[in-house]
All heavy atoms as atom14 arrays in JSON, in Angstrom:
{
  "sequence": "DTQLATPPTAASLARQLGVGETTLRRAFRDEFGRPMLQYVRQQRLEQ",
  "atom14_mask": [
    [1, 1, 1, 1, 1, 1, 1, 1, 0, 0, 0, 0, 0, 0],
    [1, 1, 1, 1, 1, 1, 1, 0, 0, 0, 0, 0, 0, 0],
    [1, 1, 1, 1, 1, 1, 1, 1, 1, 0, 0, 0, 0, 0],
    [1, 1, 1, 1, 1, 1, 1, 1, 0, 0, 0, 0, 0, 0],
    [1, 1, 1, 1, 1, 0, 0, 0, 0, 0, 0, 0, 0, 0],
    [1, 1, 1, 1, 1, 1, 1, 0, 0, 0, 0, 0, 0, 0],
    [1, 1, 1, 1, 1, 1, 1, 0, 0, 0, 0, 0, 0, 0],
    [1, 1, 1, 1, 1, 1, 1, 0, 0, 0, 0, 0, 0, 0],
    [1, 1, 1, 1, 1, 1, 1, 0, 0, 0, 0, 0, 0, 0],
    [1, 1, 1, 1, 1, 0, 0, 0, 0, 0, 0, 0, 0, 0],
    [1, 1, 1, 1, 1, 0, 0, 0, 0, 0, 0, 0, 0, 0],
    [1, 1, 1, 1, 1, 1, 0, 0, 0, 0, 0, 0, 0, 0],
    [1, 1, 1, 1, 1, 1, 1, 1, 0, 0, 0, 0, 0, 0],
    [1, 1, 1, 1, 1, 0, 0, 0, 0, 0, 0, 0, 0, 0],
    [1, 1, 1, 1, 1, 1, 1, 1, 1, 1, 1, 0, 0, 0],
    [1, 1, 1, 1, 1, 1, 1, 1, 1, 0, 0, 0, 0, 0],
    [1, 1, 1, 1, 1, 1, 1, 1, 0, 0, 0, 0, 0, 0],
    [1, 1, 1, 1, 0, 0, 0, 0, 0, 0, 0, 0, 0, 0],
    [1, 1, 1, 1, 1, 1, 1, 0, 0, 0, 0, 0, 0, 0],
    [1, 1, 1, 1, 0, 0, 0, 0, 0, 0, 0, 0, 0, 0],
    [1, 1, 1, 1, 1, 1, 1, 1, 1, 0, 0, 0, 0, 0],
    [1, 1, 1, 1, 1, 1, 1, 0, 0, 0, 0, 0, 0, 0],
    [1, 1, 1, 1, 1, 1, 1, 0, 0, 0, 0, 0, 0, 0],
    [1, 1, 1, 1, 1, 1, 1, 1, 0, 0, 0, 0, 0, 0],
    [1, 1, 1, 1, 1, 1, 1, 1, 1, 1, 1, 0, 0, 0],
    [1, 1, 1, 1, 1, 1, 1, 1, 1, 1, 1, 0, 0, 0],
    [1, 1, 1, 1, 1, 0, 0, 0, 0, 0, 0, 0, 0, 0],
    [1, 1, 1, 1, 1, 1, 1, 1, 1, 1, 1, 0, 0, 0],
    [1, 1, 1, 1, 1, 1, 1, 1, 1, 1, 1, 0, 0, 0],
    [1, 1, 1, 1, 1, 1, 1, 1, 0, 0, 0, 0, 0, 0],
    [1, 1, 1, 1, 1, 1, 1, 1, 1, 0, 0, 0, 0, 0],
    [1, 1, 1, 1, 1, 1, 1, 1, 1, 1, 1, 0, 0, 0],
    [1, 1, 1, 1, 0, 0, 0, 0, 0, 0, 0, 0, 0, 0],
    [1, 1, 1, 1, 1, 1, 1, 1, 1, 1, 1, 0, 0, 0],
    [1, 1, 1, 1, 1, 1, 1, 0, 0, 0, 0, 0, 0, 0],
    [1, 1, 1, 1, 1, 1, 1, 1, 0, 0, 0, 0, 0, 0],
    [1, 1, 1, 1, 1, 1, 1, 1, 0, 0, 0, 0, 0, 0],
    [1, 1, 1, 1, 1, 1, 1, 1, 1, 0, 0, 0, 0, 0],
    [1, 1, 1, 1, 1, 1, 1, 1, 1, 1, 1, 1, 0, 0],
    [1, 1, 1, 1, 1, 1, 1, 0, 0, 0, 0, 0, 0, 0],
    [1, 1, 1, 1, 1, 1, 1, 1, 1, 1, 1, 0, 0, 0],
    [1, 1, 1, 1, 1, 1, 1, 1, 1, 0, 0, 0, 0, 0],
    [1, 1, 1, 1, 1, 1, 1, 1, 1, 0, 0, 0, 0, 0],
    [1, 1, 1, 1, 1, 1, 1, 1, 1, 1, 1, 0, 0, 0],
    [1, 1, 1, 1, 1, 1, 1, 1, 0, 0, 0, 0, 0, 0],
    [1, 1, 1, 1, 1, 1, 1, 1, 1, 0, 0, 0, 0, 0],
    [1, 1, 1, 1, 1, 1, 1, 1, 1, 0, 0, 0, 0, 0]
  ],
  "atom14_positions": [
    [[97.93, 63.76, -32.23], [97.33, 63.19, -33.44], [98.38, 62.66, -34.42], [98.13, 61.69, -35.11], [96.47, 64.26, -34.15], [95.14, 64.51, -33.46], [94.74, 63.69, -32.59], [94.5, 65.54, -33.76], [0.0, 0.0, 0.0], [0.0, 0.0, 0.0], [0.0, 0.0, 0.0], [0.0, 0.0, 0.0], [0.0, 0.0, 0.0], [0.0, 0.0, 0.0]],
    [[99.55, 63.29, -34.45], [100.59, 62.83, -35.37], [101.34, 61.61, -34.83], [102.13, 61.01, -35.57], [101.6, 63.95, -35.7], [102.24, 64.36, -34.51], [100.93, 65.15, -36.35], [0.0, 0.0, 0.0], [0.0, 0.0, 0.0], [0.0, 0.0, 0.0], [0.0, 0.0, 0.0], [0.0, 0.0, 0.0], [0.0, 0.0, 0.0], [0.0, 0.0, 0.0]],
    [[101.13, 61.3, -33.55], [101.85, 60.18, -32.93], [100.9, 59.26, -32.16], [101.25, 58.79, -31.08], [102.9, 60.74, -31.97], [103.88, 61.71, -32.59], [104.75, 62.37, -31.55], [105.56, 61.74, -30.92], [104.55, 63.67, -31.31], [0.0, 0.0, 0.0], [0.0, 0.0, 0.0], [0.0, 0.0, 0.0], [0.0, 0.0, 0.0], [0.0, 0.0, 0.0]],
    [[99.73, 58.99, -32.71], [98.73, 58.19, -32.0], [99.21, 56.81, -31.59], [98.89, 56.35, -30.53], [97.46, 58.06, -32.85], [96.47, 59.21, -32.78], [95.3, 58.93, -33.69], [96.0, 59.49, -31.36], [0.0, 0.0, 0.0], [0.0, 0.0, 0.0], [0.0, 0.0, 0.0], [0.0, 0.0, 0.0], [0.0, 0.0, 0.0], [0.0, 0.0, 0.0]],
    [[99.95, 56.16, -32.46], [100.4, 54.79, -32.15], [101.38, 54.76, -31.0], [101.41, 53.82, -30.21], [101.0, 54.15, -33.39], [0.0, 0.0, 0.0], [0.0, 0.0, 0.0], [0.0, 0.0, 0.0], [0.0, 0.0, 0.0], [0.0, 0.0, 0.0], [0.0, 0.0, 0.0], [0.0, 0.0, 0.0], [0.0, 0.0, 0.0], [0.0, 0.0, 0.0]],
    [[102.22, 55.8, -30.88], [103.17, 55.9, -29.78], [103.14, 57.33, -29.25], [104.11, 58.08, -29.46], [104.6, 55.54, -30.24], [104.94, 56.37, -31.36], [104.72, 54.07, -30.62], [0.0, 0.0, 0.0], [0.0, 0.0, 0.0], [0.0, 0.0, 0.0], [0.0, 0.0, 0.0], [0.0, 0.0, 0.0], [0.0, 0.0, 0.0], [0.0, 0.0, 0.0]],
    [[102.08, 57.72, -28.59], [101.96, 59.1, -28.15], [102.96, 59.46, -27.05], [103.35, 58.61, -26.26], [100.53, 59.18, -27.6], [100.19, 57.79, -27.22], [100.95, 56.9, -28.16], [0.0, 0.0, 0.0], [0.0, 0.0, 0.0], [0.0, 0.0, 0.0], [0.0, 0.0, 0.0], [0.0, 0.0, 0.0], [0.0, 0.0, 0.0], [0.0, 0.0, 0.0]],
    [[103.38, 60.73, -27.03], [104.27, 61.15, -25.96], [103.53, 61.16, -24.63], [102.31, 61.27, -24.61], [104.65, 62.6, -26.36], [103.55, 63.03, -27.26], [103.03, 61.8, -27.94], [0.0, 0.0, 0.0], [0.0, 0.0, 0.0], [0.0, 0.0, 0.0], [0.0, 0.0, 0.0], [0.0, 0.0, 0.0], [0.0, 0.0, 0.0], [0.0, 0.0, 0.0]],
    [[104.25, 61.03, -23.54], [103.61, 61.12, -22.23], [103.21, 62.58, -21.98], [103.73, 63.51, -22.62], [104.6, 60.69, -21.11], [105.68, 61.62, -21.09], [105.09, 59.27, -21.3], [0.0, 0.0, 0.0], [0.0, 0.0, 0.0], [0.0, 0.0, 0.0], [0.0, 0.0, 0.0], [0.0, 0.0, 0.0], [0.0, 0.0, 0.0], [0.0, 0.0, 0.0]],
    [[102.29, 62.77, -21.06], [101.88, 64.13, -20.71], [103.07, 64.95, -20.24], [103.21, 66.11, -20.56], [100.79, 64.09, -19.64], [0.0, 0.0, 0.0], [0.0, 0.0, 0.0], [0.0, 0.0, 0.0], [0.0, 0.0, 0.0], [0.0, 0.0, 0.0], [0.0, 0.0, 0.0], [0.0, 0.0, 0.0], [0.0, 0.0, 0.0], [0.0, 0.0, 0.0]],
    [[103.96, 64.29, -19.47], [105.14, 64.99, -18.95], [106.07, 65.45, -20.1], [106.53, 66.58, -20.11], [105.91, 64.09, -17.99], [0.0, 0.0, 0.0], [0.0, 0.0, 0.0], [0.0, 0.0, 0.0], [0.0, 0.0, 0.0], [0.0, 0.0, 0.0], [0.0, 0.0, 0.0], [0.0, 0.0, 0.0], [0.0, 0.0, 0.0], [0.0, 0.0, 0.0]],
    [[106.31, 64.56, -21.06], [107.22, 64.96, -22.16], [106.55, 66.0, -23.06], [107.2, 66.89, -23.57], [107.71, 63.75, -22.96], [106.65, 63.19, -23.71], [0.0, 0.0, 0.0], [0.0, 0.0, 0.0], [0.0, 0.0, 0.0], [0.0, 0.0, 0.0], [0.0, 0.0, 0.0], [0.0, 0.0, 0.0], [0.0, 0.0, 0.0], [0.0, 0.0, 0.0]],
    [[105.25, 65.88, -23.24], [104.52, 66.85, -24.04], [104.56, 68.23, -23.36], [104.81, 69.25, -24.02], [103.06, 66.39, -24.19], [102.22, 66.96, -25.32], [102.91, 66.77, -26.68], [100.86, 66.27, -25.35], [0.0, 0.0, 0.0], [0.0, 0.0, 0.0], [0.0, 0.0, 0.0], [0.0, 0.0, 0.0], [0.0, 0.0, 0.0], [0.0, 0.0, 0.0]],
    [[104.37, 68.25, -22.05], [104.43, 69.51, -21.3], [105.82, 70.14, -21.41], [105.95, 71.35, -21.63], [104.07, 69.26, -19.83], [0.0, 0.0, 0.0], [0.0, 0.0, 0.0], [0.0, 0.0, 0.0], [0.0, 0.0, 0.0], [0.0, 0.0, 0.0], [0.0, 0.0, 0.0], [0.0, 0.0, 0.0], [0.0, 0.0, 0.0], [0.0, 0.0, 0.0]],
    [[106.87, 69.29, -21.28], [108.26, 69.8, -21.41], [108.46, 70.39, -22.79], [109.02, 71.48, -22.93], [109.25, 68.65, -21.19], [109.9, 68.65, -19.83], [111.13, 67.76, -19.77], [110.99, 66.47, -20.43], [110.41, 65.39, -19.9], [109.87, 65.45, -18.68], [110.34, 64.26, -20.55], [0.0, 0.0, 0.0], [0.0, 0.0, 0.0], [0.0, 0.0, 0.0]],
    [[108.01, 69.67, -23.8], [108.17, 70.11, -25.19], [107.47, 71.45, -25.44], [107.97, 72.27, -26.2], [107.58, 69.03, -26.11], [107.85, 69.2, -27.57], [107.32, 68.01, -28.39], [106.98, 66.98, -27.85], [107.26, 68.18, -29.68], [0.0, 0.0, 0.0], [0.0, 0.0, 0.0], [0.0, 0.0, 0.0], [0.0, 0.0, 0.0], [0.0, 0.0, 0.0]],
    [[106.35, 71.67, -24.76], [105.57, 72.88, -24.96], [105.93, 73.97, -23.97], [105.41, 75.08, -24.02], [104.07, 72.57, -24.9], [103.56, 71.67, -26.01], [102.16, 71.17, -25.68], [103.6, 72.36, -27.35], [0.0, 0.0, 0.0], [0.0, 0.0, 0.0], [0.0, 0.0, 0.0], [0.0, 0.0, 0.0], [0.0, 0.0, 0.0], [0.0, 0.0, 0.0]],
    [[106.82, 73.63, -23.0], [107.3, 74.62, -22.06], [106.26, 75.02, -20.99], [106.16, 76.2, -20.63], [0.0, 0.0, 0.0], [0.0, 0.0, 0.0], [0.0, 0.0, 0.0], [0.0, 0.0, 0.0], [0.0, 0.0, 0.0], [0.0, 0.0, 0.0], [0.0, 0.0, 0.0], [0.0, 0.0, 0.0], [0.0, 0.0, 0.0], [0.0, 0.0, 0.0]],
    [[105.49, 74.07, -20.55], [104.45, 74.34, -19.56], [104.45, 73.2, -18.54], [104.96, 72.11, -18.81], [103.07, 74.49, -20.27], [102.6, 73.17, -20.85], [102.01, 75.04, -19.33], [0.0, 0.0, 0.0], [0.0, 0.0, 0.0], [0.0, 0.0, 0.0], [0.0, 0.0, 0.0], [0.0, 0.0, 0.0], [0.0, 0.0, 0.0], [0.0, 0.0, 0.0]],
    [[103.86, 73.43, -17.4], [103.77, 72.38, -16.36], [102.79, 71.29, -16.79], [101.8, 71.57, -17.46], [0.0, 0.0, 0.0], [0.0, 0.0, 0.0], [0.0, 0.0, 0.0], [0.0, 0.0, 0.0], [0.0, 0.0, 0.0], [0.0, 0.0, 0.0], [0.0, 0.0, 0.0], [0.0, 0.0, 0.0], [0.0, 0.0, 0.0], [0.0, 0.0, 0.0]],
    [[103.06, 70.06, -16.37], [102.19, 68.93, -16.74], [100.79, 69.11, -16.24], [99.81, 68.87, -16.96], [102.82, 67.63, -16.18], [102.01, 66.4, -16.58], [102.58, 65.13, -16.01], [103.72, 65.13, -15.51], [101.89, 64.1, -16.09], [0.0, 0.0, 0.0], [0.0, 0.0, 0.0], [0.0, 0.0, 0.0], [0.0, 0.0, 0.0], [0.0, 0.0, 0.0]],
    [[100.62, 69.56, -14.98], [99.29, 69.74, -14.43], [98.5, 70.82, -15.19], [97.33, 70.64, -15.5], [99.4, 70.15, -12.91], [100.16, 69.15, -12.25], [98.04, 70.28, -12.27], [0.0, 0.0, 0.0], [0.0, 0.0, 0.0], [0.0, 0.0, 0.0], [0.0, 0.0, 0.0], [0.0, 0.0, 0.0], [0.0, 0.0, 0.0], [0.0, 0.0, 0.0]],
    [[99.19, 71.9, -15.53], [98.55, 72.97, -16.32], [98.1, 72.45, -17.68], [96.98, 72.71, -18.11], [99.54, 74.14, -16.51], [99.93, 74.61, -15.24], [98.95, 75.26, -17.33], [0.0, 0.0, 0.0], [0.0, 0.0, 0.0], [0.0, 0.0, 0.0], [0.0, 0.0, 0.0], [0.0, 0.0, 0.0], [0.0, 0.0, 0.0], [0.0, 0.0, 0.0]],
    [[98.98, 71.67, -18.31], [98.61, 71.1, -19.62], [97.43, 70.16, -19.51], [96.48, 70.24, -20.29], [99.82, 70.37, -20.23], [99.58, 69.72, -21.59], [99.18, 70.75, -22.65], [100.79, 68.92, -22.03], [0.0, 0.0, 0.0], [0.0, 0.0, 0.0], [0.0, 0.0, 0.0], [0.0, 0.0, 0.0], [0.0, 0.0, 0.0], [0.0, 0.0, 0.0]],
    [[97.48, 69.27, -18.54], [96.37, 68.3, -18.37], [95.04, 69.04, -18.11], [94.02, 68.71, -18.7], [96.65, 67.39, -17.19], [97.69, 66.3, -17.47], [97.88, 65.44, -16.21], [98.89, 64.46, -16.37], [98.7, 63.24, -16.91], [97.49, 62.93, -17.35], [99.66, 62.39, -17.03], [0.0, 0.0, 0.0], [0.0, 0.0, 0.0], [0.0, 0.0, 0.0]],
    [[95.06, 70.01, -17.25], [93.85, 70.76, -16.88], [93.33, 71.53, -18.11], [92.14, 71.51, -18.41], [94.11, 71.7, -15.72], [92.86, 72.4, -15.2], [93.13, 73.32, -14.02], [93.75, 72.61, -12.92], [94.97, 72.95, -12.42], [95.67, 73.92, -12.92], [95.45, 72.27, -11.4], [0.0, 0.0, 0.0], [0.0, 0.0, 0.0], [0.0, 0.0, 0.0]],
    [[94.23, 72.25, -18.79], [93.84, 73.05, -19.93], [93.28, 72.16, -21.05], [92.31, 72.52, -21.73], [95.01, 73.87, -20.43], [0.0, 0.0, 0.0], [0.0, 0.0, 0.0], [0.0, 0.0, 0.0], [0.0, 0.0, 0.0], [0.0, 0.0, 0.0], [0.0, 0.0, 0.0], [0.0, 0.0, 0.0], [0.0, 0.0, 0.0], [0.0, 0.0, 0.0]],
    [[93.91, 71.01, -21.26], [93.45, 70.08, -22.3], [92.01, 69.6, -21.99], [91.14, 69.62, -22.84], [94.39, 68.88, -22.4], [94.17, 68.04, -23.66], [94.96, 68.26, -24.78], [93.2, 67.07, -23.68], [94.75, 67.5, -25.93], [93.0, 66.3, -24.82], [93.78, 66.52, -25.94], [0.0, 0.0, 0.0], [0.0, 0.0, 0.0], [0.0, 0.0, 0.0]],
    [[91.82, 69.21, -20.74], [90.49, 68.74, -20.33], [89.45, 69.84, -20.45], [88.33, 69.62, -20.93], [90.54, 68.19, -18.9], [89.27, 67.46, -18.47], [89.3, 66.99, -17.04], [89.54, 68.09, -16.12], [90.62, 68.19, -15.33], [91.54, 67.26, -15.31], [90.78, 69.22, -14.55], [0.0, 0.0, 0.0], [0.0, 0.0, 0.0], [0.0, 0.0, 0.0]],
    [[89.82, 71.05, -20.05], [88.88, 72.18, -20.16], [88.54, 72.5, -21.6], [87.38, 72.77, -21.92], [89.49, 73.42, -19.5], [89.61, 73.31, -17.97], [89.03, 72.36, -17.4], [90.31, 74.15, -17.38], [0.0, 0.0, 0.0], [0.0, 0.0, 0.0], [0.0, 0.0, 0.0], [0.0, 0.0, 0.0], [0.0, 0.0, 0.0], [0.0, 0.0, 0.0]],
    [[89.53, 72.4, -22.49], [89.29, 72.74, -23.88], [88.54, 71.65, -24.64], [87.65, 71.95, -25.45], [90.64, 73.02, -24.57], [90.55, 73.44, -26.04], [89.92, 74.82, -26.24], [90.0, 75.69, -25.35], [89.36, 75.04, -27.32], [0.0, 0.0, 0.0], [0.0, 0.0, 0.0], [0.0, 0.0, 0.0], [0.0, 0.0, 0.0], [0.0, 0.0, 0.0]],
    [[88.89, 70.39, -24.41], [88.33, 69.31, -25.23], [87.34, 68.41, -24.47], [86.85, 67.43, -25.03], [89.47, 68.46, -25.83], [90.37, 69.27, -26.69], [91.69, 69.46, -26.36], [89.88, 69.88, -27.86], [92.54, 70.22, -27.16], [90.71, 70.65, -28.67], [92.05, 70.82, -28.3], [0.0, 0.0, 0.0], [0.0, 0.0, 0.0], [0.0, 0.0, 0.0]],
    [[87.11, 68.72, -23.2], [86.08, 68.0, -22.46], [86.44, 66.58, -22.03], [85.58, 65.82, -21.62], [0.0, 0.0, 0.0], [0.0, 0.0, 0.0], [0.0, 0.0, 0.0], [0.0, 0.0, 0.0], [0.0, 0.0, 0.0], [0.0, 0.0, 0.0], [0.0, 0.0, 0.0], [0.0, 0.0, 0.0], [0.0, 0.0, 0.0], [0.0, 0.0, 0.0]],
    [[87.7, 66.21, -22.14], [88.12, 64.88, -21.71], [89.64, 64.91, -21.49], [90.35, 65.7, -22.11], [87.75, 63.82, -22.71], [88.31, 64.08, -24.08], [87.68, 63.23, -25.14], [88.12, 63.78, -26.41], [87.48, 63.62, -27.54], [86.42, 62.95, -27.6], [87.95, 64.14, -28.63], [0.0, 0.0, 0.0], [0.0, 0.0, 0.0], [0.0, 0.0, 0.0]],
    [[90.15, 64.03, -20.64], [91.59, 63.97, -20.4], [92.35, 63.53, -21.65], [91.78, 62.89, -22.54], [91.72, 62.9, -19.29], [90.35, 62.7, -18.74], [89.38, 63.07, -19.82], [0.0, 0.0, 0.0], [0.0, 0.0, 0.0], [0.0, 0.0, 0.0], [0.0, 0.0, 0.0], [0.0, 0.0, 0.0], [0.0, 0.0, 0.0], [0.0, 0.0, 0.0]],
    [[93.63, 63.83, -21.68], [94.48, 63.5, -22.84], [94.47, 62.0, -23.13], [94.36, 61.61, -24.3], [95.91, 63.97, -22.62], [96.12, 65.41, -22.94], [97.85, 65.89, -22.92], [98.16, 65.99, -21.17], [0.0, 0.0, 0.0], [0.0, 0.0, 0.0], [0.0, 0.0, 0.0], [0.0, 0.0, 0.0], [0.0, 0.0, 0.0], [0.0, 0.0, 0.0]],
    [[94.57, 61.18, -22.11], [94.62, 59.72, -22.31], [93.33, 59.23, -22.98], [93.36, 58.42, -23.9], [94.85, 59.02, -20.98], [95.09, 57.52, -21.07], [96.33, 57.21, -21.89], [95.21, 56.92, -19.67], [0.0, 0.0, 0.0], [0.0, 0.0, 0.0], [0.0, 0.0, 0.0], [0.0, 0.0, 0.0], [0.0, 0.0, 0.0], [0.0, 0.0, 0.0]],
    [[92.21, 59.72, -22.5], [90.92, 59.33, -23.1], [90.82, 59.83, -24.55], [90.35, 59.1, -25.41], [89.77, 59.92, -22.26], [88.41, 59.42, -22.7], [87.3, 60.06, -21.88], [87.53, 60.76, -20.91], [86.07, 59.78, -22.29], [0.0, 0.0, 0.0], [0.0, 0.0, 0.0], [0.0, 0.0, 0.0], [0.0, 0.0, 0.0], [0.0, 0.0, 0.0]],
    [[91.33, 61.04, -24.8], [91.34, 61.58, -26.17], [92.16, 60.65, -27.09], [91.69, 60.27, -28.17], [91.94, 62.99, -26.17], [92.16, 63.5, -27.58], [91.1, 64.04, -28.29], [93.41, 63.42, -28.19], [91.26, 64.5, -29.6], [93.57, 63.84, -29.48], [92.5, 64.39, -30.18], [92.69, 64.83, -31.47], [0.0, 0.0, 0.0], [0.0, 0.0, 0.0]],
    [[93.35, 60.25, -26.65], [94.22, 59.38, -27.47], [93.52, 58.05, -27.72], [93.49, 57.56, -28.86], [95.6, 59.17, -26.8], [96.36, 58.03, -27.43], [96.4, 60.46, -26.84], [0.0, 0.0, 0.0], [0.0, 0.0, 0.0], [0.0, 0.0, 0.0], [0.0, 0.0, 0.0], [0.0, 0.0, 0.0], [0.0, 0.0, 0.0], [0.0, 0.0, 0.0]],
    [[92.92, 57.47, -26.68], [92.25, 56.19, -26.81], [91.11, 56.29, -27.83], [90.97, 55.45, -28.73], [91.69, 55.78, -25.45], [91.54, 54.28, -25.31], [91.07, 53.89, -23.9], [92.12, 54.06, -22.9], [91.92, 54.62, -21.71], [90.77, 55.06, -21.35], [92.92, 54.7, -20.87], [0.0, 0.0, 0.0], [0.0, 0.0, 0.0], [0.0, 0.0, 0.0]],
    [[90.32, 57.36, -27.76], [89.19, 57.53, -28.68], [89.68, 57.76, -30.11], [89.12, 57.18, -31.06], [88.32, 58.69, -28.23], [87.52, 58.37, -26.98], [86.77, 59.55, -26.42], [87.09, 60.7, -26.67], [85.75, 59.27, -25.62], [0.0, 0.0, 0.0], [0.0, 0.0, 0.0], [0.0, 0.0, 0.0], [0.0, 0.0, 0.0], [0.0, 0.0, 0.0]],
    [[90.72, 58.53, -30.28], [91.27, 58.79, -31.61], [91.8, 57.5, -32.23], [91.63, 57.24, -33.42], [92.35, 59.86, -31.57], [91.85, 61.24, -31.24], [90.79, 61.73, -32.18], [89.61, 61.79, -31.85], [91.17, 62.06, -33.38], [0.0, 0.0, 0.0], [0.0, 0.0, 0.0], [0.0, 0.0, 0.0], [0.0, 0.0, 0.0], [0.0, 0.0, 0.0]],
    [[92.47, 56.69, -31.43], [92.98, 55.39, -31.9], [91.86, 54.5, -32.4], [91.94, 53.87, -33.45], [93.71, 54.66, -30.81], [95.11, 55.13, -30.5], [95.64, 54.34, -29.35], [97.08, 54.51, -29.21], [97.78, 53.93, -28.29], [97.18, 53.14, -27.38], [99.07, 54.12, -28.19], [0.0, 0.0, 0.0], [0.0, 0.0, 0.0], [0.0, 0.0, 0.0]],
    [[90.79, 54.46, -31.62], [89.65, 53.6, -31.98], [88.92, 54.12, -33.22], [88.52, 53.34, -34.08], [88.7, 53.45, -30.79], [89.28, 52.64, -29.61], [88.39, 52.76, -28.38], [89.49, 51.19, -30.01], [0.0, 0.0, 0.0], [0.0, 0.0, 0.0], [0.0, 0.0, 0.0], [0.0, 0.0, 0.0], [0.0, 0.0, 0.0], [0.0, 0.0, 0.0]],
    [[88.79, 55.43, -33.34], [88.19, 56.0, -34.54], [89.04, 55.69, -35.78], [88.52, 55.36, -36.84], [88.0, 57.52, -34.4], [86.99, 57.93, -33.34], [85.54, 57.64, -33.68], [85.24, 57.35, -34.86], [84.69, 57.69, -32.78], [0.0, 0.0, 0.0], [0.0, 0.0, 0.0], [0.0, 0.0, 0.0], [0.0, 0.0, 0.0], [0.0, 0.0, 0.0]],
    [[90.36, 55.82, -35.61], [91.27, 55.53, -36.71], [91.16, 54.04, -37.07], [91.16, 53.66, -38.24], [92.7, 55.89, -36.33], [93.7, 55.69, -37.44], [95.11, 56.02, -37.0], [95.47, 55.88, -35.84], [95.91, 56.47, -37.94], [0.0, 0.0, 0.0], [0.0, 0.0, 0.0], [0.0, 0.0, 0.0], [0.0, 0.0, 0.0], [0.0, 0.0, 0.0]]
  ]
}
């Protein structure tokens, strides 16, 4: 949310948070009901 215009990649976000990319992607989708990329796209359009 703080970097919507230039969001970090899932890989760099996972590294930053100290977790595997697959784990992060799956957990994000499970928690918010959509993949990270779709979330970013929707937030950009709402903004």
